[in-house]
Amino acid sequence: GIFLFHVVNYKPLTYNKTYVYPWWGDAIGWGLALSSMLCIPCTVLYQLLRRKAFPQRWQLLTTPIWGHHHLEYLTPEAEAKLLAPEPPKEKT
């Protein structure tokens, strides 16, 4: 949303209302901003295009992967269904 707001309300960058920065300076700034913003959409598109069937792609991308570090958010019943018990730790 913030990116679209800036694109719609874009004005060339100025300094003290007298100096207008060159176009290539704006281009470098937009390139740096887009380099961090495009990581997630590009990864999603790559993952969607890499799988064979769309339902398989969608299920893989939208199913959470739960690990032992997420157990504090689950009820004990859900924990028992999702994970195998941890192996016993050796005493030293």
N, C-alpha and C. Protein backbone atom coordinates (compact mmCIF):
# COMPACT_ATOMS: atom_id res chain seq x y z
N GLY A 1 0.79 -1.18 0.00
CA GLY A 1 0.00 0.00 0.00
C GLY A 1 0.86 1.28 0.00
N ILE A 2 1.91 1.24 0.81
CA ILE A 2 2.78 2.42 0.90
C ILE A 2 3.48 2.66 -0.44
N PHE A 3 3.90 1.59 -1.07
CA PHE A 3 4.56 1.72 -2.37
C PHE A 3 3.62 2.33 -3.40
N LEU A 4 2.38 1.83 -3.45
CA LEU A 4 1.41 2.38 -4.41
C LEU A 4 1.11 3.85 -4.11
N PHE A 5 1.03 4.22 -2.84
CA PHE A 5 0.81 5.61 -2.47
C PHE A 5 1.92 6.50 -3.02
N HIS A 6 3.18 6.04 -2.89
CA HIS A 6 4.30 6.84 -3.38
C HIS A 6 4.33 6.90 -4.91
N VAL A 7 3.92 5.83 -5.57
CA VAL A 7 3.89 5.85 -7.03
C VAL A 7 2.84 6.84 -7.51
N VAL A 8 1.66 6.84 -6.89
CA VAL A 8 0.59 7.73 -7.30
C VAL A 8 0.95 9.19 -7.01
N ASN A 9 1.55 9.47 -5.87
CA ASN A 9 1.87 10.84 -5.46
C ASN A 9 3.33 11.21 -5.73
N TYR A 10 3.94 10.61 -6.75
CA TYR A 10 5.35 10.84 -7.02
C TYR A 10 5.61 12.27 -7.50
N LYS A 11 6.63 12.88 -6.91
CA LYS A 11 7.17 14.17 -7.37
C LYS A 11 8.68 14.04 -7.34
N PRO A 12 9.37 14.63 -8.30
CA PRO A 12 10.83 14.55 -8.30
C PRO A 12 11.41 15.10 -7.00
N LEU A 13 12.45 14.45 -6.52
CA LEU A 13 13.09 14.85 -5.27
C LEU A 13 13.87 16.15 -5.46
N THR A 14 13.67 17.10 -4.54
CA THR A 14 14.37 18.39 -4.62
C THR A 14 15.07 18.67 -3.30
N TYR A 15 16.03 19.58 -3.37
CA TYR A 15 16.76 20.01 -2.19
C TYR A 15 16.59 21.53 -2.07
N ASN A 16 16.05 22.01 -0.94
CA ASN A 16 15.81 23.44 -0.70
C ASN A 16 14.96 24.10 -1.78
N LYS A 17 14.10 23.36 -2.40
CA LYS A 17 13.19 23.85 -3.45
C LYS A 17 13.92 24.48 -4.64
N THR A 18 15.22 24.25 -4.75
CA THR A 18 15.96 24.83 -5.87
C THR A 18 16.65 23.76 -6.71
N TYR A 19 17.26 22.78 -6.08
CA TYR A 19 18.02 21.76 -6.81
C TYR A 19 17.14 20.53 -6.99
N VAL A 20 16.97 20.11 -8.24
CA VAL A 20 16.22 18.89 -8.54
C VAL A 20 17.25 17.80 -8.83
N TYR A 21 17.15 16.71 -8.10
CA TYR A 21 18.09 15.61 -8.30
C TYR A 21 17.91 15.01 -9.69
N PRO A 22 19.00 14.49 -10.29
CA PRO A 22 18.91 13.93 -11.65
C PRO A 22 18.04 12.66 -11.68
N TRP A 23 17.57 12.32 -12.88
CA TRP A 23 16.69 11.16 -13.03
C TRP A 23 17.38 9.86 -12.63
N TRP A 24 18.70 9.78 -12.88
CA TRP A 24 19.40 8.55 -12.56
C TRP A 24 19.52 8.37 -11.04
N GLY A 25 19.53 9.45 -10.28
CA GLY A 25 19.53 9.33 -8.82
C GLY A 25 18.21 8.76 -8.32
N ASP A 26 17.11 9.24 -8.91
CA ASP A 26 15.80 8.66 -8.58
C ASP A 26 15.75 7.19 -8.96
N ALA A 27 16.30 6.86 -10.12
CA ALA A 27 16.28 5.47 -10.59
C ALA A 27 17.05 4.56 -9.63
N ILE A 28 18.18 5.02 -9.13
CA ILE A 28 18.95 4.22 -8.16
C ILE A 28 18.14 4.03 -6.88
N GLY A 29 17.51 5.08 -6.41
CA GLY A 29 16.69 4.97 -5.21
C GLY A 29 15.53 4.02 -5.37
N TRP A 30 14.80 4.12 -6.49
CA TRP A 30 13.69 3.20 -6.73
C TRP A 30 14.20 1.77 -6.89
N GLY A 31 15.36 1.61 -7.52
CA GLY A 31 15.92 0.25 -7.66
C GLY A 31 16.27 -0.36 -6.32
N LEU A 32 16.86 0.43 -5.43
CA LEU A 32 17.17 -0.08 -4.10
C LEU A 32 15.90 -0.42 -3.32
N ALA A 33 14.89 0.41 -3.44
CA ALA A 33 13.63 0.14 -2.74
C ALA A 33 12.96 -1.11 -3.29
N LEU A 34 12.92 -1.24 -4.61
CA LEU A 34 12.27 -2.41 -5.21
C LEU A 34 13.03 -3.70 -4.97
N SER A 35 14.36 -3.62 -4.80
CA SER A 35 15.14 -4.84 -4.58
C SER A 35 14.71 -5.55 -3.30
N SER A 36 14.29 -4.81 -2.30
CA SER A 36 13.83 -5.47 -1.07
C SER A 36 12.34 -5.80 -1.12
N MET A 37 11.55 -5.02 -1.86
CA MET A 37 10.10 -5.25 -1.90
C MET A 37 9.71 -6.40 -2.82
N LEU A 38 10.50 -6.69 -3.83
CA LEU A 38 10.13 -7.70 -4.81
C LEU A 38 10.54 -9.11 -4.43
N CYS A 39 11.26 -9.30 -3.33
CA CYS A 39 11.72 -10.63 -2.94
C CYS A 39 10.56 -11.59 -2.72
N ILE A 40 9.56 -11.17 -1.96
CA ILE A 40 8.44 -12.07 -1.64
C ILE A 40 7.58 -12.37 -2.87
N PRO A 41 7.12 -11.37 -3.62
CA PRO A 41 6.32 -11.71 -4.80
C PRO A 41 7.08 -12.56 -5.82
N CYS A 42 8.35 -12.30 -6.01
CA CYS A 42 9.14 -13.10 -6.95
C CYS A 42 9.28 -14.54 -6.48
N THR A 43 9.48 -14.75 -5.19
CA THR A 43 9.59 -16.09 -4.64
C THR A 43 8.27 -16.84 -4.79
N VAL A 44 7.15 -16.18 -4.53
CA VAL A 44 5.84 -16.81 -4.68
C VAL A 44 5.63 -17.22 -6.14
N LEU A 45 5.91 -16.34 -7.08
CA LEU A 45 5.75 -16.68 -8.49
C LEU A 45 6.66 -17.84 -8.90
N TYR A 46 7.90 -17.82 -8.42
CA TYR A 46 8.83 -18.90 -8.73
C TYR A 46 8.32 -20.23 -8.21
N GLN A 47 7.84 -20.24 -6.95
CA GLN A 47 7.33 -21.48 -6.38
C GLN A 47 6.07 -21.96 -7.10
N LEU A 48 5.18 -21.03 -7.48
CA LEU A 48 3.97 -21.42 -8.19
C LEU A 48 4.29 -22.00 -9.57
N LEU A 49 5.27 -21.45 -10.24
CA LEU A 49 5.61 -21.92 -11.58
C LEU A 49 6.45 -23.19 -11.56
N ARG A 50 7.11 -23.48 -10.44
CA ARG A 50 8.00 -24.63 -10.36
C ARG A 50 7.25 -25.94 -10.16
N ARG A 51 6.10 -25.93 -9.52
CA ARG A 51 5.32 -27.14 -9.26
C ARG A 51 4.54 -27.55 -10.50
N LYS A 52 4.13 -28.83 -10.56
CA LYS A 52 3.45 -29.34 -11.75
C LYS A 52 1.97 -28.97 -11.80
N ALA A 53 1.23 -29.21 -10.74
CA ALA A 53 -0.21 -28.95 -10.75
C ALA A 53 -0.53 -27.78 -9.82
N PHE A 54 -1.46 -26.92 -10.25
CA PHE A 54 -1.79 -25.74 -9.45
C PHE A 54 -2.30 -26.10 -8.05
N PRO A 55 -3.20 -27.09 -7.87
CA PRO A 55 -3.64 -27.42 -6.50
C PRO A 55 -2.47 -27.84 -5.60
N GLN A 56 -1.52 -28.58 -6.17
CA GLN A 56 -0.34 -28.99 -5.40
C GLN A 56 0.48 -27.75 -5.02
N ARG A 57 0.63 -26.84 -5.93
CA ARG A 57 1.38 -25.61 -5.67
C ARG A 57 0.72 -24.80 -4.56
N TRP A 58 -0.60 -24.60 -4.70
CA TRP A 58 -1.32 -23.77 -3.74
C TRP A 58 -1.29 -24.39 -2.35
N GLN A 59 -1.48 -25.70 -2.25
CA GLN A 59 -1.47 -26.36 -0.94
C GLN A 59 -0.09 -26.25 -0.29
N LEU A 60 0.95 -26.43 -1.05
CA LEU A 60 2.30 -26.34 -0.49
C LEU A 60 2.60 -24.93 0.02
N LEU A 61 2.18 -23.91 -0.74
CA LEU A 61 2.49 -22.55 -0.35
C LEU A 61 1.62 -22.02 0.79
N THR A 62 0.44 -22.60 0.99
CA THR A 62 -0.46 -22.08 2.02
C THR A 62 -0.57 -22.96 3.25
N THR A 63 0.11 -24.09 3.32
CA THR A 63 0.07 -24.96 4.49
C THR A 63 1.23 -24.62 5.41
N PRO A 64 0.95 -24.30 6.67
CA PRO A 64 2.05 -23.97 7.58
C PRO A 64 2.83 -25.22 7.96
N ILE A 65 4.09 -25.04 8.25
CA ILE A 65 4.94 -26.12 8.71
C ILE A 65 5.21 -25.89 10.19
N TRP A 66 4.68 -26.77 11.03
CA TRP A 66 4.81 -26.61 12.48
C TRP A 66 6.01 -27.39 12.97
N GLY A 67 6.76 -26.80 13.88
CA GLY A 67 7.89 -27.45 14.50
C GLY A 67 7.77 -27.39 16.01
N HIS A 68 8.75 -27.95 16.69
CA HIS A 68 8.73 -27.97 18.15
C HIS A 68 8.73 -26.57 18.75
N HIS A 69 9.29 -25.60 18.06
CA HIS A 69 9.34 -24.23 18.58
C HIS A 69 7.98 -23.53 18.49
N HIS A 70 6.99 -24.12 17.80
CA HIS A 70 5.65 -23.53 17.72
C HIS A 70 4.69 -24.12 18.75
N LEU A 71 5.12 -25.09 19.53
CA LEU A 71 4.20 -25.82 20.39
C LEU A 71 3.59 -24.96 21.49
N GLU A 72 4.22 -23.87 21.87
CA GLU A 72 3.64 -23.04 22.91
C GLU A 72 2.33 -22.41 22.48
N TYR A 73 2.04 -22.37 21.17
CA TYR A 73 0.82 -21.77 20.66
C TYR A 73 -0.29 -22.79 20.45
N LEU A 74 0.01 -24.08 20.60
CA LEU A 74 -0.97 -25.13 20.34
C LEU A 74 -1.53 -25.70 21.63
N THR A 75 -2.74 -26.26 21.52
CA THR A 75 -3.31 -26.98 22.65
C THR A 75 -2.61 -28.34 22.74
N PRO A 76 -2.63 -29.01 23.90
CA PRO A 76 -1.98 -30.33 24.02
C PRO A 76 -2.55 -31.36 23.05
N GLU A 77 -3.87 -31.30 22.78
CA GLU A 77 -4.47 -32.27 21.84
C GLU A 77 -3.92 -32.08 20.44
N ALA A 78 -3.80 -30.84 20.00
CA ALA A 78 -3.28 -30.56 18.67
C ALA A 78 -1.81 -30.92 18.58
N GLU A 79 -1.09 -30.72 19.67
CA GLU A 79 0.34 -31.06 19.69
C GLU A 79 0.53 -32.54 19.49
N ALA A 80 -0.29 -33.37 20.14
CA ALA A 80 -0.15 -34.81 20.02
C ALA A 80 -0.44 -35.28 18.60
N LYS A 81 -1.35 -34.61 17.91
CA LYS A 81 -1.70 -35.02 16.54
C LYS A 81 -0.63 -34.62 15.52
N LEU A 82 0.04 -33.49 15.74
CA LEU A 82 0.94 -32.95 14.73
C LEU A 82 2.35 -33.54 14.77
N LEU A 83 2.86 -33.79 15.97
CA LEU A 83 4.27 -34.12 16.09
C LEU A 83 4.49 -35.45 16.79
N ALA A 84 5.54 -36.13 16.36
CA ALA A 84 5.97 -37.33 17.07
C ALA A 84 6.70 -36.89 18.34
N PRO A 85 6.71 -37.71 19.37
CA PRO A 85 7.39 -37.29 20.60
C PRO A 85 8.88 -37.08 20.37
N GLU A 86 9.45 -36.16 21.13
CA GLU A 86 10.90 -35.91 21.02
C GLU A 86 11.65 -37.10 21.60
N PRO A 87 12.81 -37.43 21.02
CA PRO A 87 13.60 -38.52 21.59
C PRO A 87 14.12 -38.13 22.97
N PRO A 88 14.28 -39.10 23.87
CA PRO A 88 14.76 -38.75 25.22
C PRO A 88 16.18 -38.21 25.15
N LYS A 89 16.43 -37.22 25.99
CA LYS A 89 17.76 -36.60 26.02
C LYS A 89 18.64 -37.37 27.01
N GLU A 90 19.89 -37.52 26.61
CA GLU A 90 20.83 -38.23 27.47
C GLU A 90 21.30 -37.31 28.59
N LYS A 91 21.42 -37.87 29.78
CA LYS A 91 21.93 -37.10 30.91
C LYS A 91 23.44 -37.14 30.90
N THR A 92 24.04 -35.99 31.15
CA THR A 92 25.51 -35.94 31.15
C THR A 92 26.01 -35.71 32.54
